[in-house]
Amino acid sequence: MKIRVKLYAALAIYLPDGAVKNVADIEVDKGTTPEAAFTFLKVPLEQCHLVLINGLFVPPTERATRILADGDHLAAWPPVAGG
């Protein structure tokens, strides 16, 4: 199945070749979770601070169990600091 992955800021380096700006469409197996998708892309899980599926927040406790559906948009942002 195909999902769209959007990786922001420093995470964009983990997108596959052919990504446009910070977005890539990837093929994943049925039953894939956000955590599995990030692992497939070699994104360090500790760097996925804010995770959204279709614009809705996914808490850390659900990232290993929430199943993605065909056509879902998975987005992640790294932790940020500043002031």
PDB file of N, CA and C in Angstrom:
ATOM      1  N   MET A   1       0.841  -1.162   0.000  1.00  0.00           N
ATOM      2  CA  MET A   1       0.000   0.000   0.000  1.00  0.00           C
ATOM      3  C   MET A   1       0.890   1.230   0.000  1.00  0.00           C
ATOM      4  N   LYS A   2       0.345   2.353  -0.402  1.00  0.00           N
ATOM      5  CA  LYS A   2       1.119   3.581  -0.520  1.00  0.00           C
ATOM      6  C   LYS A   2       0.694   4.573   0.556  1.00  0.00           C
ATOM      7  N   ILE A   3       1.704   5.179   1.199  1.00  0.00           N
ATOM      8  CA  ILE A   3       1.462   6.264   2.141  1.00  0.00           C
ATOM      9  C   ILE A   3       2.329   7.450   1.738  1.00  0.00           C
ATOM     10  N   ARG A   4       1.949   8.616   2.186  1.00  0.00           N
ATOM     11  CA  ARG A   4       2.755   9.811   1.964  1.00  0.00           C
ATOM     12  C   ARG A   4       3.438  10.158   3.274  1.00  0.00           C
ATOM     13  N   VAL A   5       4.754  10.324   3.212  1.00  0.00           N
ATOM     14  CA  VAL A   5       5.548  10.664   4.392  1.00  0.00           C
ATOM     15  C   VAL A   5       6.065  12.087   4.233  1.00  0.00           C
ATOM     16  N   LYS A   6       5.889  12.865   5.292  1.00  0.00           N
ATOM     17  CA  LYS A   6       6.389  14.235   5.330  1.00  0.00           C
ATOM     18  C   LYS A   6       7.310  14.344   6.533  1.00  0.00           C
ATOM     19  N   LEU A   7       8.576  14.618   6.269  1.00  0.00           N
ATOM     20  CA  LEU A   7       9.557  14.753   7.336  1.00  0.00           C
ATOM     21  C   LEU A   7      10.080  16.182   7.334  1.00  0.00           C
ATOM     22  N   TYR A   8       9.992  16.831   8.472  1.00  0.00           N
ATOM     23  CA  TYR A   8      10.311  18.249   8.570  1.00  0.00           C
ATOM     24  C   TYR A   8      11.653  18.488   9.241  1.00  0.00           C
ATOM     25  N   ALA A   9      12.202  19.668   8.962  1.00  0.00           N
ATOM     26  CA  ALA A   9      13.464  20.142   9.532  1.00  0.00           C
ATOM     27  C   ALA A   9      14.567  19.114   9.276  1.00  0.00           C
ATOM     28  N   ALA A  10      15.337  18.781  10.298  1.00  0.00           N
ATOM     29  CA  ALA A  10      16.492  17.891  10.132  1.00  0.00           C
ATOM     30  C   ALA A  10      16.115  16.470   9.723  1.00  0.00           C
ATOM     31  N   LEU A  11      14.858  16.078   9.879  1.00  0.00           N
ATOM     32  CA  LEU A  11      14.445  14.717   9.508  1.00  0.00           C
ATOM     33  C   LEU A  11      14.356  14.515   8.001  1.00  0.00           C
ATOM     34  N   ALA A  12      14.291  15.581   7.235  1.00  0.00           N
ATOM     35  CA  ALA A  12      14.127  15.473   5.781  1.00  0.00           C
ATOM     36  C   ALA A  12      15.250  14.687   5.116  1.00  0.00           C
ATOM     37  N   ILE A  13      16.411  14.618   5.748  1.00  0.00           N
ATOM     38  CA  ILE A  13      17.537  13.880   5.142  1.00  0.00           C
ATOM     39  C   ILE A  13      17.258  12.379   5.035  1.00  0.00           C
ATOM     40  N   TYR A  14      16.250  11.881   5.748  1.00  0.00           N
ATOM     41  CA  TYR A  14      15.937  10.452   5.727  1.00  0.00           C
ATOM     42  C   TYR A  14      14.943  10.065   4.627  1.00  0.00           C
ATOM     43  N   LEU A  15      14.453  11.043   3.887  1.00  0.00           N
ATOM     44  CA  LEU A  15      13.523  10.726   2.798  1.00  0.00           C
ATOM     45  C   LEU A  15      14.268  10.034   1.661  1.00  0.00           C
ATOM     46  N   PRO A  16      13.578   9.167   0.939  1.00  0.00           N
ATOM     47  CA  PRO A  16      14.238   8.452  -0.164  1.00  0.00           C
ATOM     48  C   PRO A  16      14.509   9.380  -1.349  1.00  0.00           C
ATOM     49  N   ASP A  17      15.377   8.935  -2.236  1.00  0.00           N
ATOM     50  CA  ASP A  17      15.620   9.666  -3.475  1.00  0.00           C
ATOM     51  C   ASP A  17      14.303   9.865  -4.194  1.00  0.00           C
ATOM     52  N   GLY A  18      14.161  11.008  -4.830  1.00  0.00           N
ATOM     53  CA  GLY A  18      12.929  11.305  -5.542  1.00  0.00           C
ATOM     54  C   GLY A  18      11.930  12.093  -4.721  1.00  0.00           C
ATOM     55  N   ALA A  19      12.255  12.323  -3.456  1.00  0.00           N
ATOM     56  CA  ALA A  19      11.360  13.118  -2.615  1.00  0.00           C
ATOM     57  C   ALA A  19      11.340  14.551  -3.129  1.00  0.00           C
ATOM     58  N   VAL A  20      10.184  15.160  -3.064  1.00  0.00           N
ATOM     59  CA  VAL A  20      10.039  16.555  -3.464  1.00  0.00           C
ATOM     60  C   VAL A  20       9.925  17.385  -2.199  1.00  0.00           C
ATOM     61  N   LYS A  21      10.893  18.276  -2.015  1.00  0.00           N
ATOM     62  CA  LYS A  21      11.016  19.062  -0.792  1.00  0.00           C
ATOM     63  C   LYS A  21      11.058  18.117   0.397  1.00  0.00           C
ATOM     64  N   ASN A  22      10.034  18.086   1.224  1.00  0.00           N
ATOM     65  CA  ASN A  22      10.056  17.241   2.424  1.00  0.00           C
ATOM     66  C   ASN A  22       9.011  16.129   2.356  1.00  0.00           C
ATOM     67  N   VAL A  23       8.594  15.752   1.132  1.00  0.00           N
ATOM     68  CA  VAL A  23       7.493  14.795   0.963  1.00  0.00           C
ATOM     69  C   VAL A  23       7.898  13.663   0.027  1.00  0.00           C
ATOM     70  N   ALA A  24       7.502  12.438   0.399  1.00  0.00           N
ATOM     71  CA  ALA A  24       7.718  11.281  -0.472  1.00  0.00           C
ATOM     72  C   ALA A  24       6.560  10.305  -0.316  1.00  0.00           C
ATOM     73  N   ASP A  25       6.183   9.691  -1.407  1.00  0.00           N
ATOM     74  CA  ASP A  25       5.221   8.599  -1.370  1.00  0.00           C
ATOM     75  C   ASP A  25       6.020   7.309  -1.337  1.00  0.00           C
ATOM     76  N   ILE A  26       5.705   6.443  -0.379  1.00  0.00           N
ATOM     77  CA  ILE A  26       6.434   5.179  -0.254  1.00  0.00           C
ATOM     78  C   ILE A  26       5.454   4.014  -0.199  1.00  0.00           C
ATOM     79  N   GLU A  27       5.935   2.857  -0.591  1.00  0.00           N
ATOM     80  CA  GLU A  27       5.176   1.613  -0.500  1.00  0.00           C
ATOM     81  C   GLU A  27       5.539   0.921   0.800  1.00  0.00           C
ATOM     82  N   VAL A  28       4.524   0.534   1.557  1.00  0.00           N
ATOM     83  CA  VAL A  28       4.724  -0.200   2.802  1.00  0.00           C
ATOM     84  C   VAL A  28       3.773  -1.393   2.829  1.00  0.00           C
ATOM     85  N   ASP A  29       4.074  -2.350   3.663  1.00  0.00           N
ATOM     86  CA  ASP A  29       3.223  -3.525   3.811  1.00  0.00           C
ATOM     87  C   ASP A  29       1.965  -3.181   4.594  1.00  0.00           C
ATOM     88  N   LYS A  30       0.886  -3.913   4.329  1.00  0.00           N
ATOM     89  CA  LYS A  30      -0.305  -3.794   5.171  1.00  0.00           C
ATOM     90  C   LYS A  30       0.101  -4.094   6.601  1.00  0.00           C
ATOM     91  N   GLY A  31      -0.512  -3.393   7.535  1.00  0.00           N
ATOM     92  CA  GLY A  31      -0.193  -3.601   8.939  1.00  0.00           C
ATOM     93  C   GLY A  31       0.967  -2.753   9.434  1.00  0.00           C
ATOM     94  N   THR A  32       1.516  -1.895   8.574  1.00  0.00           N
ATOM     95  CA  THR A  32       2.629  -1.038   8.972  1.00  0.00           C
ATOM     96  C   THR A  32       2.169   0.012   9.978  1.00  0.00           C
ATOM     97  N   THR A  33       2.996   0.244  10.975  1.00  0.00           N
ATOM     98  CA  THR A  33       2.753   1.263  11.992  1.00  0.00           C
ATOM     99  C   THR A  33       3.638   2.477  11.703  1.00  0.00           C
ATOM    100  N   PRO A  34       3.363   3.610  12.328  1.00  0.00           N
ATOM    101  CA  PRO A  34       4.266   4.750  12.160  1.00  0.00           C
ATOM    102  C   PRO A  34       5.703   4.401  12.548  1.00  0.00           C
ATOM    103  N   GLU A  35       5.866   3.693  13.648  1.00  0.00           N
ATOM    104  CA  GLU A  35       7.205   3.311  14.082  1.00  0.00           C
ATOM    105  C   GLU A  35       7.904   2.451  13.026  1.00  0.00           C
ATOM    106  N   ALA A  36       7.188   1.517  12.443  1.00  0.00           N
ATOM    107  CA  ALA A  36       7.775   0.658  11.408  1.00  0.00           C
ATOM    108  C   ALA A  36       8.128   1.464  10.157  1.00  0.00           C
ATOM    109  N   ALA A  37       7.289   2.427   9.804  1.00  0.00           N
ATOM    110  CA  ALA A  37       7.573   3.265   8.637  1.00  0.00           C
ATOM    111  C   ALA A  37       8.833   4.094   8.877  1.00  0.00           C
ATOM    112  N   PHE A  38       8.975   4.663  10.071  1.00  0.00           N
ATOM    113  CA  PHE A  38      10.177   5.436  10.382  1.00  0.00           C
ATOM    114  C   PHE A  38      11.413   4.531  10.390  1.00  0.00           C
ATOM    115  N   THR A  39      11.290   3.342  10.921  1.00  0.00           N
ATOM    116  CA  THR A  39      12.404   2.401  10.940  1.00  0.00           C
ATOM    117  C   THR A  39      12.796   2.016   9.512  1.00  0.00           C
ATOM    118  N   PHE A  40      11.816   1.787   8.643  1.00  0.00           N
ATOM    119  CA  PHE A  40      12.067   1.483   7.233  1.00  0.00           C
ATOM    120  C   PHE A  40      12.882   2.599   6.575  1.00  0.00           C
ATOM    121  N   LEU A  41      12.588   3.846   6.937  1.00  0.00           N
ATOM    122  CA  LEU A  41      13.305   4.990   6.366  1.00  0.00           C
ATOM    123  C   LEU A  41      14.602   5.308   7.116  1.00  0.00           C
ATOM    124  N   LYS A  42      14.886   4.536   8.161  1.00  0.00           N
ATOM    125  CA  LYS A  42      16.078   4.720   9.000  1.00  0.00           C
ATOM    126  C   LYS A  42      16.067   6.036   9.779  1.00  0.00           C
ATOM    127  N   VAL A  43      14.870   6.508  10.101  1.00  0.00           N
ATOM    128  CA  VAL A  43      14.723   7.708  10.925  1.00  0.00           C
ATOM    129  C   VAL A  43      14.889   7.288  12.387  1.00  0.00           C
ATOM    130  N   PRO A  44      15.807   7.906  13.130  1.00  0.00           N
ATOM    131  CA  PRO A  44      15.932   7.572  14.554  1.00  0.00           C
ATOM    132  C   PRO A  44      14.625   7.884  15.290  1.00  0.00           C
ATOM    133  N   LEU A  45      14.057   6.882  15.926  1.00  0.00           N
ATOM    134  CA  LEU A  45      12.757   7.054  16.571  1.00  0.00           C
ATOM    135  C   LEU A  45      12.773   8.140  17.636  1.00  0.00           C
ATOM    136  N   GLU A  46      13.892   8.296  18.328  1.00  0.00           N
ATOM    137  CA  GLU A  46      13.964   9.325  19.363  1.00  0.00           C
ATOM    138  C   GLU A  46      13.931  10.740  18.768  1.00  0.00           C
ATOM    139  N   GLN A  47      14.127  10.838  17.452  1.00  0.00           N
ATOM    140  CA  GLN A  47      14.067  12.137  16.781  1.00  0.00           C
ATOM    141  C   GLN A  47      12.667  12.474  16.268  1.00  0.00           C
ATOM    142  N   CYS A  48      11.736  11.547  16.384  1.00  0.00           N
ATOM    143  CA  CYS A  48      10.353  11.784  15.955  1.00  0.00           C
ATOM    144  C   CYS A  48       9.567  12.312  17.154  1.00  0.00           C
ATOM    145  N   HIS A  49       9.675  13.597  17.368  1.00  0.00           N
ATOM    146  CA  HIS A  49       9.063  14.205  18.556  1.00  0.00           C
ATOM    147  C   HIS A  49       7.556  14.400  18.376  1.00  0.00           C
ATOM    148  N   LEU A  50       7.163  15.021  17.291  1.00  0.00           N
ATOM    149  CA  LEU A  50       5.754  15.265  16.989  1.00  0.00           C
ATOM    150  C   LEU A  50       5.391  14.429  15.775  1.00  0.00           C
ATOM    151  N   VAL A  51       4.402  13.565  15.915  1.00  0.00           N
ATOM    152  CA  VAL A  51       3.976  12.678  14.830  1.00  0.00           C
ATOM    153  C   VAL A  51       2.481  12.872  14.593  1.00  0.00           C
ATOM    154  N   LEU A  52       2.122  13.028  13.323  1.00  0.00           N
ATOM    155  CA  LEU A  52       0.724  13.180  12.929  1.00  0.00           C
ATOM    156  C   LEU A  52       0.378  12.168  11.843  1.00  0.00           C
ATOM    157  N   ILE A  53      -0.845  11.666  11.883  1.00  0.00           N
ATOM    158  CA  ILE A  53      -1.413  10.881  10.785  1.00  0.00           C
ATOM    159  C   ILE A  53      -2.629  11.649  10.309  1.00  0.00           C
ATOM    160  N   ASN A  54      -2.601  12.024   9.048  1.00  0.00           N
ATOM    161  CA  ASN A  54      -3.697  12.797   8.456  1.00  0.00           C
ATOM    162  C   ASN A  54      -4.033  14.032   9.286  1.00  0.00           C
ATOM    163  N   GLY A  55      -2.986  14.658   9.825  1.00  0.00           N
ATOM    164  CA  GLY A  55      -3.168  15.884  10.582  1.00  0.00           C
ATOM    165  C   GLY A  55      -3.560  15.713  12.033  1.00  0.00           C
ATOM    166  N   LEU A  56      -3.678  14.472  12.503  1.00  0.00           N
ATOM    167  CA  LEU A  56      -4.072  14.210  13.893  1.00  0.00           C
ATOM    168  C   LEU A  56      -2.884  13.661  14.683  1.00  0.00           C
ATOM    169  N   PHE A  57      -2.676  14.221  15.861  1.00  0.00           N
ATOM    170  CA  PHE A  57      -1.566  13.836  16.728  1.00  0.00           C
ATOM    171  C   PHE A  57      -1.624  12.352  17.097  1.00  0.00           C
ATOM    172  N   VAL A  58      -0.464  11.706  17.031  1.00  0.00           N
ATOM    173  CA  VAL A  58      -0.327  10.311  17.466  1.00  0.00           C
ATOM    174  C   VAL A  58       0.618  10.306  18.668  1.00  0.00           C
ATOM    175  N   PRO A  59       0.096   9.999  19.861  1.00  0.00           N
ATOM    176  CA  PRO A  59       0.959   9.999  21.039  1.00  0.00           C
ATOM    177  C   PRO A  59       2.014   8.892  20.951  1.00  0.00           C
ATOM    178  N   PRO A  60       3.144   9.085  21.627  1.00  0.00           N
ATOM    179  CA  PRO A  60       4.213   8.084  21.587  1.00  0.00           C
ATOM    180  C   PRO A  60       3.749   6.672  21.943  1.00  0.00           C
ATOM    181  N   THR A  61       2.764   6.548  22.816  1.00  0.00           N
ATOM    182  CA  THR A  61       2.290   5.227  23.237  1.00  0.00           C
ATOM    183  C   THR A  61       1.542   4.479  22.132  1.00  0.00           C
ATOM    184  N   GLU A  62       1.145   5.174  21.066  1.00  0.00           N
ATOM    185  CA  GLU A  62       0.399   4.539  19.974  1.00  0.00           C
ATOM    186  C   GLU A  62       1.214   4.348  18.697  1.00  0.00           C
ATOM    187  N   ARG A  63       2.427   4.840  18.664  1.00  0.00           N
ATOM    188  CA  ARG A  63       3.214   4.830  17.428  1.00  0.00           C
ATOM    189  C   ARG A  63       3.672   3.440  17.008  1.00  0.00           C
ATOM    190  N   ALA A  64       3.727   2.506  17.940  1.00  0.00           N
ATOM    191  CA  ALA A  64       4.127   1.135  17.610  1.00  0.00           C
ATOM    192  C   ALA A  64       2.931   0.225  17.359  1.00  0.00           C
ATOM    193  N   THR A  65       1.715   0.732  17.603  1.00  0.00           N
ATOM    194  CA  THR A  65       0.535  -0.125  17.466  1.00  0.00           C
ATOM    195  C   THR A  65      -0.509   0.403  16.489  1.00  0.00           C
ATOM    196  N   ARG A  66      -0.522   1.682  16.231  1.00  0.00           N
ATOM    197  CA  ARG A  66      -1.505   2.276  15.317  1.00  0.00           C
ATOM    198  C   ARG A  66      -1.185   1.823  13.898  1.00  0.00           C
ATOM    199  N   ILE A  67      -2.147   1.262  13.213  1.00  0.00           N
ATOM    200  CA  ILE A  67      -1.947   0.734  11.861  1.00  0.00           C
ATOM    201  C   ILE A  67      -2.269   1.810  10.831  1.00  0.00           C
ATOM    202  N   LEU A  68      -1.344   1.991   9.899  1.00  0.00           N
ATOM    203  CA  LEU A  68      -1.560   2.939   8.816  1.00  0.00           C
ATOM    204  C   LEU A  68      -2.456   2.322   7.750  1.00  0.00           C
ATOM    205  N   ALA A  69      -3.215   3.170   7.074  1.00  0.00           N
ATOM    206  CA  ALA A  69      -4.094   2.731   5.987  1.00  0.00           C
ATOM    207  C   ALA A  69      -3.563   3.271   4.661  1.00  0.00           C
ATOM    208  N   ASP A  70      -3.946   2.620   3.586  1.00  0.00           N
ATOM    209  CA  ASP A  70      -3.558   3.069   2.255  1.00  0.00           C
ATOM    210  C   ASP A  70      -3.969   4.528   2.072  1.00  0.00           C
ATOM    211  N   GLY A  71      -3.015   5.347   1.619  1.00  0.00           N
ATOM    212  CA  GLY A  71      -3.300   6.753   1.376  1.00  0.00           C
ATOM    213  C   GLY A  71      -3.085   7.673   2.556  1.00  0.00           C
ATOM    214  N   ASP A  72      -2.746   7.123   3.724  1.00  0.00           N
ATOM    215  CA  ASP A  72      -2.501   7.965   4.892  1.00  0.00           C
ATOM    216  C   ASP A  72      -1.316   8.895   4.664  1.00  0.00           C
ATOM    217  N   HIS A  73      -1.358  10.035   5.348  1.00  0.00           N
ATOM    218  CA  HIS A  73      -0.256  10.986   5.358  1.00  0.00           C
ATOM    219  C   HIS A  73       0.365  10.937   6.752  1.00  0.00           C
ATOM    220  N   LEU A  74       1.625  10.544   6.803  1.00  0.00           N
ATOM    221  CA  LEU A  74       2.378  10.426   8.050  1.00  0.00           C
ATOM    222  C   LEU A  74       3.405  11.547   8.092  1.00  0.00           C
ATOM    223  N   ALA A  75       3.375  12.349   9.139  1.00  0.00           N
ATOM    224  CA  ALA A  75       4.297  13.483   9.261  1.00  0.00           C
ATOM    225  C   ALA A  75       5.025  13.429  10.587  1.00  0.00           C
ATOM    226  N   ALA A  76       6.272  13.915  10.576  1.00  0.00           N
ATOM    227  CA  ALA A  76       7.065  13.946  11.811  1.00  0.00           C
ATOM    228  C   ALA A  76       7.947  15.177  11.845  1.00  0.00           C
ATOM    229  N   TRP A  77       8.112  15.701  13.067  1.00  0.00           N
ATOM    230  CA  TRP A  77       8.997  16.812  13.332  1.00  0.00           C
ATOM    231  C   TRP A  77       9.961  16.394  14.428  1.00  0.00           C
ATOM    232  N   PRO A  78      11.209  16.864  14.365  1.00  0.00           N
ATOM    233  CA  PRO A  78      12.164  16.563  15.441  1.00  0.00           C
ATOM    234  C   PRO A  78      11.932  17.499  16.624  1.00  0.00           C
ATOM    235  N   PRO A  79      12.538  17.184  17.761  1.00  0.00           N
ATOM    236  CA  PRO A  79      12.458  18.117  18.884  1.00  0.00           C
ATOM    237  C   PRO A  79      13.180  19.417  18.502  1.00  0.00           C
ATOM    238  N   VAL A  80      12.696  20.512  18.995  1.00  0.00           N
ATOM    239  CA  VAL A  80      13.320  21.800  18.706  1.00  0.00           C
ATOM    240  C   VAL A  80      13.623  22.516  20.003  1.00  0.00           C
ATOM    241  N   ALA A  81      14.581  23.404  19.940  1.00  0.00           N
ATOM    242  CA  ALA A  81      14.924  24.209  21.104  1.00  0.00           C
ATOM    243  C   ALA A  81      15.105  25.657  20.637  1.00  0.00           C
ATOM    244  N   GLY A  82      14.979  26.520  21.516  1.00  0.00           N
ATOM    245  CA  GLY A  82      15.166  27.926  21.176  1.00  0.00           C
ATOM    246  C   GLY A  82      14.389  28.799  22.129  1.00  0.00           C
ATOM    247  N   GLY A  83      14.381  30.031  21.812  1.00  0.00           N
ATOM    248  CA  GLY A  83      13.662  30.907  22.695  1.00  0.00           C
ATOM    249  C   GLY A  83      13.708  32.334  22.243  1.00  0.00           C
TER     250      GLY A  83
END
